[in-house]
All heavy atoms as atom14 arrays in JSON, in Angstrom:
{
  "sequence": "TSQAFRQTRAFTTTVLGNLLAFWNRERVGVEL",
  "atom14_mask": [
    [1, 1, 1, 1, 1, 1, 1, 0, 0, 0, 0, 0, 0, 0],
    [1, 1, 1, 1, 1, 1, 0, 0, 0, 0, 0, 0, 0, 0],
    [1, 1, 1, 1, 1, 1, 1, 1, 1, 0, 0, 0, 0, 0],
    [1, 1, 1, 1, 1, 0, 0, 0, 0, 0, 0, 0, 0, 0],
    [1, 1, 1, 1, 1, 1, 1, 1, 1, 1, 1, 0, 0, 0],
    [1, 1, 1, 1, 1, 1, 1, 1, 1, 1, 1, 0, 0, 0],
    [1, 1, 1, 1, 1, 1, 1, 1, 1, 0, 0, 0, 0, 0],
    [1, 1, 1, 1, 1, 1, 1, 0, 0, 0, 0, 0, 0, 0],
    [1, 1, 1, 1, 1, 1, 1, 1, 1, 1, 1, 0, 0, 0],
    [1, 1, 1, 1, 1, 0, 0, 0, 0, 0, 0, 0, 0, 0],
    [1, 1, 1, 1, 1, 1, 1, 1, 1, 1, 1, 0, 0, 0],
    [1, 1, 1, 1, 1, 1, 1, 0, 0, 0, 0, 0, 0, 0],
    [1, 1, 1, 1, 1, 1, 1, 0, 0, 0, 0, 0, 0, 0],
    [1, 1, 1, 1, 1, 1, 1, 0, 0, 0, 0, 0, 0, 0],
    [1, 1, 1, 1, 1, 1, 1, 0, 0, 0, 0, 0, 0, 0],
    [1, 1, 1, 1, 1, 1, 1, 1, 0, 0, 0, 0, 0, 0],
    [1, 1, 1, 1, 0, 0, 0, 0, 0, 0, 0, 0, 0, 0],
    [1, 1, 1, 1, 1, 1, 1, 1, 0, 0, 0, 0, 0, 0],
    [1, 1, 1, 1, 1, 1, 1, 1, 0, 0, 0, 0, 0, 0],
    [1, 1, 1, 1, 1, 1, 1, 1, 0, 0, 0, 0, 0, 0],
    [1, 1, 1, 1, 1, 0, 0, 0, 0, 0, 0, 0, 0, 0],
    [1, 1, 1, 1, 1, 1, 1, 1, 1, 1, 1, 0, 0, 0],
    [1, 1, 1, 1, 1, 1, 1, 1, 1, 1, 1, 1, 1, 1],
    [1, 1, 1, 1, 1, 1, 1, 1, 0, 0, 0, 0, 0, 0],
    [1, 1, 1, 1, 1, 1, 1, 1, 1, 1, 1, 0, 0, 0],
    [1, 1, 1, 1, 1, 1, 1, 1, 1, 0, 0, 0, 0, 0],
    [1, 1, 1, 1, 1, 1, 1, 1, 1, 1, 1, 0, 0, 0],
    [1, 1, 1, 1, 1, 1, 1, 0, 0, 0, 0, 0, 0, 0],
    [1, 1, 1, 1, 0, 0, 0, 0, 0, 0, 0, 0, 0, 0],
    [1, 1, 1, 1, 1, 1, 1, 0, 0, 0, 0, 0, 0, 0],
    [1, 1, 1, 1, 1, 1, 1, 1, 1, 0, 0, 0, 0, 0],
    [1, 1, 1, 1, 1, 1, 1, 1, 0, 0, 0, 0, 0, 0]
  ],
  "atom14_positions": [
    [[116.63, 4.56, 166.05], [115.56, 5.5, 166.31], [115.38, 6.43, 165.19], [115.93, 7.48, 165.07], [115.94, 6.26, 167.67], [116.35, 5.35, 168.63], [114.69, 7.06, 168.11], [0.0, 0.0, 0.0], [0.0, 0.0, 0.0], [0.0, 0.0, 0.0], [0.0, 0.0, 0.0], [0.0, 0.0, 0.0], [0.0, 0.0, 0.0], [0.0, 0.0, 0.0]],
    [[114.5, 5.96, 164.27], [114.33, 6.73, 163.01], [113.8, 8.14, 163.17], [114.23, 9.03, 162.5], [113.36, 5.86, 162.08], [113.96, 4.67, 161.76], [0.0, 0.0, 0.0], [0.0, 0.0, 0.0], [0.0, 0.0, 0.0], [0.0, 0.0, 0.0], [0.0, 0.0, 0.0], [0.0, 0.0, 0.0], [0.0, 0.0, 0.0], [0.0, 0.0, 0.0]],
    [[112.87, 8.29, 164.08], [112.26, 9.62, 164.2], [113.33, 10.71, 164.75], [113.05, 11.86, 164.72], [111.02, 9.63, 165.08], [111.24, 9.13, 166.51], [109.96, 9.13, 167.27], [109.21, 10.1, 167.27], [109.62, 8.03, 167.88], [0.0, 0.0, 0.0], [0.0, 0.0, 0.0], [0.0, 0.0, 0.0], [0.0, 0.0, 0.0], [0.0, 0.0, 0.0]],
    [[114.37, 10.23, 165.24], [115.42, 11.2, 165.73], [116.15, 11.84, 164.6], [116.97, 12.76, 164.87], [116.36, 10.44, 166.68], [0.0, 0.0, 0.0], [0.0, 0.0, 0.0], [0.0, 0.0, 0.0], [0.0, 0.0, 0.0], [0.0, 0.0, 0.0], [0.0, 0.0, 0.0], [0.0, 0.0, 0.0], [0.0, 0.0, 0.0], [0.0, 0.0, 0.0]],
    [[116.0, 11.34, 163.4], [116.79, 11.78, 162.17], [115.78, 12.34, 161.2], [115.08, 11.6, 160.45], [117.61, 10.66, 161.71], [118.6, 10.2, 162.59], [118.34, 9.12, 163.43], [119.84, 10.76, 162.72], [119.32, 8.63, 164.35], [120.82, 10.34, 163.57], [120.51, 9.24, 164.43], [0.0, 0.0, 0.0], [0.0, 0.0, 0.0], [0.0, 0.0, 0.0]],
    [[115.72, 13.67, 161.15], [114.77, 14.27, 160.16], [115.21, 15.72, 159.96], [116.06, 16.24, 160.68], [113.27, 14.28, 160.67], [113.18, 15.01, 162.08], [111.8, 15.3, 162.47], [111.04, 14.06, 162.83], [109.75, 14.09, 163.2], [109.0, 15.14, 163.13], [109.2, 12.93, 163.55], [0.0, 0.0, 0.0], [0.0, 0.0, 0.0], [0.0, 0.0, 0.0]],
    [[114.75, 16.31, 158.93], [115.04, 17.8, 158.73], [114.38, 18.65, 159.73], [113.07, 18.62, 159.85], [114.64, 18.19, 157.36], [115.1, 19.6, 156.97], [115.09, 19.94, 155.49], [114.66, 19.11, 154.77], [115.52, 21.1, 155.11], [0.0, 0.0, 0.0], [0.0, 0.0, 0.0], [0.0, 0.0, 0.0], [0.0, 0.0, 0.0], [0.0, 0.0, 0.0]],
    [[115.18, 19.35, 160.6], [114.69, 20.2, 161.58], [114.9, 21.7, 161.32], [115.68, 22.05, 160.33], [115.3, 19.8, 162.94], [116.64, 20.18, 162.82], [115.03, 18.38, 163.38], [0.0, 0.0, 0.0], [0.0, 0.0, 0.0], [0.0, 0.0, 0.0], [0.0, 0.0, 0.0], [0.0, 0.0, 0.0], [0.0, 0.0, 0.0], [0.0, 0.0, 0.0]],
    [[114.32, 22.55, 162.07], [114.57, 24.0, 161.89], [115.99, 24.4, 162.25], [116.62, 25.06, 161.45], [113.58, 24.74, 162.86], [113.42, 26.19, 162.46], [112.48, 26.85, 163.47], [111.15, 26.02, 163.53], [110.39, 26.08, 164.55], [110.69, 26.84, 165.64], [109.24, 25.35, 164.59], [0.0, 0.0, 0.0], [0.0, 0.0, 0.0], [0.0, 0.0, 0.0]],
    [[116.52, 23.72, 163.22], [117.9, 24.01, 163.7], [118.85, 23.49, 162.57], [119.78, 24.21, 162.19], [118.24, 23.26, 165.0], [0.0, 0.0, 0.0], [0.0, 0.0, 0.0], [0.0, 0.0, 0.0], [0.0, 0.0, 0.0], [0.0, 0.0, 0.0], [0.0, 0.0, 0.0], [0.0, 0.0, 0.0], [0.0, 0.0, 0.0], [0.0, 0.0, 0.0]],
    [[118.61, 22.4, 162.01], [119.49, 21.84, 160.93], [119.44, 22.79, 159.69], [120.49, 23.16, 159.17], [119.02, 20.51, 160.54], [119.66, 19.88, 159.37], [120.76, 19.06, 159.47], [119.08, 20.04, 158.03], [121.45, 18.49, 158.29], [119.7, 19.51, 156.87], [120.85, 18.69, 157.05], [0.0, 0.0, 0.0], [0.0, 0.0, 0.0], [0.0, 0.0, 0.0]],
    [[118.31, 23.18, 159.29], [118.1, 24.0, 158.14], [118.68, 25.4, 158.27], [119.36, 25.93, 157.38], [116.57, 24.06, 157.75], [116.04, 22.76, 157.62], [116.44, 24.7, 156.32], [0.0, 0.0, 0.0], [0.0, 0.0, 0.0], [0.0, 0.0, 0.0], [0.0, 0.0, 0.0], [0.0, 0.0, 0.0], [0.0, 0.0, 0.0], [0.0, 0.0, 0.0]],
    [[118.39, 26.07, 159.37], [118.86, 27.36, 159.59], [120.43, 27.35, 159.72], [121.08, 28.34, 159.19], [118.24, 28.02, 160.85], [118.46, 27.16, 161.99], [116.79, 28.25, 160.64], [0.0, 0.0, 0.0], [0.0, 0.0, 0.0], [0.0, 0.0, 0.0], [0.0, 0.0, 0.0], [0.0, 0.0, 0.0], [0.0, 0.0, 0.0], [0.0, 0.0, 0.0]],
    [[120.97, 26.36, 160.29], [122.41, 26.28, 160.43], [123.1, 26.08, 158.96], [124.08, 26.71, 158.66], [122.93, 25.01, 161.25], [122.34, 25.31, 162.56], [124.43, 25.03, 161.48], [0.0, 0.0, 0.0], [0.0, 0.0, 0.0], [0.0, 0.0, 0.0], [0.0, 0.0, 0.0], [0.0, 0.0, 0.0], [0.0, 0.0, 0.0], [0.0, 0.0, 0.0]],
    [[122.46, 25.19, 158.2], [123.0, 25.0, 156.85], [122.88, 26.32, 156.05], [123.79, 26.72, 155.34], [122.2, 23.86, 156.08], [122.49, 23.77, 154.6], [122.55, 22.53, 156.72], [0.0, 0.0, 0.0], [0.0, 0.0, 0.0], [0.0, 0.0, 0.0], [0.0, 0.0, 0.0], [0.0, 0.0, 0.0], [0.0, 0.0, 0.0], [0.0, 0.0, 0.0]],
    [[121.69, 27.01, 156.11], [121.54, 28.19, 155.33], [122.5, 29.21, 155.86], [123.09, 30.01, 155.0], [120.08, 28.78, 155.5], [119.01, 27.89, 154.8], [117.67, 28.44, 155.19], [119.2, 28.02, 153.28], [0.0, 0.0, 0.0], [0.0, 0.0, 0.0], [0.0, 0.0, 0.0], [0.0, 0.0, 0.0], [0.0, 0.0, 0.0], [0.0, 0.0, 0.0]],
    [[122.77, 29.44, 157.15], [123.63, 30.38, 157.59], [125.01, 30.07, 157.19], [125.71, 31.04, 156.77], [0.0, 0.0, 0.0], [0.0, 0.0, 0.0], [0.0, 0.0, 0.0], [0.0, 0.0, 0.0], [0.0, 0.0, 0.0], [0.0, 0.0, 0.0], [0.0, 0.0, 0.0], [0.0, 0.0, 0.0], [0.0, 0.0, 0.0], [0.0, 0.0, 0.0]],
    [[125.47, 28.84, 157.16], [126.82, 28.53, 156.68], [126.96, 28.71, 155.2], [128.05, 29.14, 154.7], [127.15, 26.97, 157.04], [127.38, 26.82, 158.53], [127.4, 27.76, 159.34], [127.63, 25.55, 159.04], [0.0, 0.0, 0.0], [0.0, 0.0, 0.0], [0.0, 0.0, 0.0], [0.0, 0.0, 0.0], [0.0, 0.0, 0.0], [0.0, 0.0, 0.0]],
    [[125.87, 28.41, 154.44], [125.96, 28.63, 153.02], [126.06, 30.14, 152.66], [126.78, 30.6, 151.73], [124.69, 28.01, 152.36], [124.72, 26.55, 152.19], [123.3, 26.1, 151.63], [125.74, 26.13, 151.09], [0.0, 0.0, 0.0], [0.0, 0.0, 0.0], [0.0, 0.0, 0.0], [0.0, 0.0, 0.0], [0.0, 0.0, 0.0], [0.0, 0.0, 0.0]],
    [[125.29, 30.97, 153.42], [125.32, 32.34, 153.05], [126.66, 33.01, 153.43], [127.0, 34.02, 152.8], [124.17, 33.04, 153.88], [122.78, 32.71, 153.41], [121.75, 33.36, 154.32], [122.54, 33.21, 151.95], [0.0, 0.0, 0.0], [0.0, 0.0, 0.0], [0.0, 0.0, 0.0], [0.0, 0.0, 0.0], [0.0, 0.0, 0.0], [0.0, 0.0, 0.0]],
    [[127.37, 32.47, 154.31], [128.68, 33.02, 154.66], [129.71, 32.46, 153.71], [130.72, 31.87, 154.04], [129.09, 32.64, 156.05], [0.0, 0.0, 0.0], [0.0, 0.0, 0.0], [0.0, 0.0, 0.0], [0.0, 0.0, 0.0], [0.0, 0.0, 0.0], [0.0, 0.0, 0.0], [0.0, 0.0, 0.0], [0.0, 0.0, 0.0], [0.0, 0.0, 0.0]],
    [[129.43, 32.75, 152.38], [130.26, 32.14, 151.28], [131.69, 32.68, 151.24], [132.65, 31.96, 150.74], [129.61, 32.39, 149.94], [129.42, 33.91, 149.62], [130.48, 34.55, 149.11], [128.26, 34.51, 149.99], [130.32, 36.0, 148.75], [128.07, 35.85, 149.73], [129.17, 36.62, 149.14], [0.0, 0.0, 0.0], [0.0, 0.0, 0.0], [0.0, 0.0, 0.0]],
    [[132.02, 33.74, 151.95], [133.31, 34.33, 151.91], [134.16, 33.59, 152.98], [135.37, 33.8, 153.11], [133.2, 35.85, 152.31], [132.65, 36.12, 153.59], [133.31, 36.19, 154.84], [131.25, 36.2, 153.93], [132.48, 36.37, 155.86], [131.12, 36.46, 155.29], [130.11, 36.26, 153.19], [129.89, 36.66, 155.93], [128.88, 36.49, 153.77], [128.8, 36.67, 155.17]],
    [[133.56, 32.82, 153.89], [134.22, 32.25, 154.96], [134.39, 30.71, 154.82], [133.83, 29.91, 155.47], [133.43, 32.54, 156.27], [134.34, 32.29, 157.56], [135.48, 32.15, 157.42], [133.62, 32.19, 158.61], [0.0, 0.0, 0.0], [0.0, 0.0, 0.0], [0.0, 0.0, 0.0], [0.0, 0.0, 0.0], [0.0, 0.0, 0.0], [0.0, 0.0, 0.0]],
    [[135.09, 30.29, 153.76], [135.27, 28.89, 153.41], [136.77, 28.44, 153.73], [137.72, 29.27, 153.52], [135.0, 28.65, 151.93], [133.58, 28.91, 151.56], [132.64, 27.73, 152.09], [131.29, 27.9, 151.61], [130.33, 28.54, 152.27], [130.62, 29.15, 153.4], [129.17, 28.62, 151.86], [0.0, 0.0, 0.0], [0.0, 0.0, 0.0], [0.0, 0.0, 0.0]],
    [[136.88, 27.3, 154.09], [138.32, 26.71, 154.49], [138.54, 25.45, 153.64], [137.58, 24.66, 153.54], [138.43, 26.57, 155.92], [138.34, 27.83, 156.76], [138.7, 27.45, 158.15], [137.98, 26.63, 158.78], [139.57, 28.11, 158.72], [0.0, 0.0, 0.0], [0.0, 0.0, 0.0], [0.0, 0.0, 0.0], [0.0, 0.0, 0.0], [0.0, 0.0, 0.0]],
    [[139.76, 25.34, 153.31], [140.21, 23.95, 152.76], [140.99, 23.3, 153.96], [141.96, 23.81, 154.49], [141.2, 24.14, 151.59], [140.59, 24.69, 150.34], [141.35, 24.43, 149.15], [142.76, 24.8, 149.32], [143.7, 24.37, 148.54], [143.47, 23.51, 147.65], [144.93, 24.79, 148.75], [0.0, 0.0, 0.0], [0.0, 0.0, 0.0], [0.0, 0.0, 0.0]],
    [[140.49, 22.12, 154.28], [141.1, 21.33, 155.42], [142.05, 20.36, 154.8], [141.62, 19.41, 154.07], [139.9, 20.72, 156.23], [140.62, 19.86, 157.37], [139.03, 21.67, 156.74], [0.0, 0.0, 0.0], [0.0, 0.0, 0.0], [0.0, 0.0, 0.0], [0.0, 0.0, 0.0], [0.0, 0.0, 0.0], [0.0, 0.0, 0.0], [0.0, 0.0, 0.0]],
    [[143.31, 20.47, 155.16], [144.28, 19.59, 154.62], [144.43, 18.22, 155.32], [144.5, 18.25, 156.54], [0.0, 0.0, 0.0], [0.0, 0.0, 0.0], [0.0, 0.0, 0.0], [0.0, 0.0, 0.0], [0.0, 0.0, 0.0], [0.0, 0.0, 0.0], [0.0, 0.0, 0.0], [0.0, 0.0, 0.0], [0.0, 0.0, 0.0], [0.0, 0.0, 0.0]],
    [[144.32, 17.12, 154.59], [144.34, 15.81, 155.12], [145.58, 15.09, 154.54], [145.54, 14.83, 153.36], [143.11, 14.96, 154.93], [143.26, 13.52, 155.55], [141.85, 15.65, 155.51], [0.0, 0.0, 0.0], [0.0, 0.0, 0.0], [0.0, 0.0, 0.0], [0.0, 0.0, 0.0], [0.0, 0.0, 0.0], [0.0, 0.0, 0.0], [0.0, 0.0, 0.0]],
    [[146.56, 14.87, 155.27], [147.8, 14.2, 154.83], [147.69, 12.74, 154.52], [147.2, 12.03, 155.57], [148.95, 14.54, 155.7], [150.3, 14.04, 155.09], [151.44, 14.34, 155.97], [151.25, 14.94, 157.12], [152.62, 14.04, 155.49], [0.0, 0.0, 0.0], [0.0, 0.0, 0.0], [0.0, 0.0, 0.0], [0.0, 0.0, 0.0], [0.0, 0.0, 0.0]],
    [[147.93, 12.26, 153.33], [147.86, 10.83, 153.03], [149.23, 10.24, 153.41], [150.3, 10.73, 152.95], [147.59, 10.69, 151.57], [146.26, 11.24, 151.07], [146.13, 10.93, 149.53], [145.09, 10.74, 151.81], [0.0, 0.0, 0.0], [0.0, 0.0, 0.0], [0.0, 0.0, 0.0], [0.0, 0.0, 0.0], [0.0, 0.0, 0.0], [0.0, 0.0, 0.0]]
  ]
}
């Protein structure tokens, strides 16, 4: 369903909000 995948307002505002919170970053450890 191609039209279900597009840039939306919710997608963009969430990305912008997460980017602006630059002090709140985590490293997620994945054990090999």
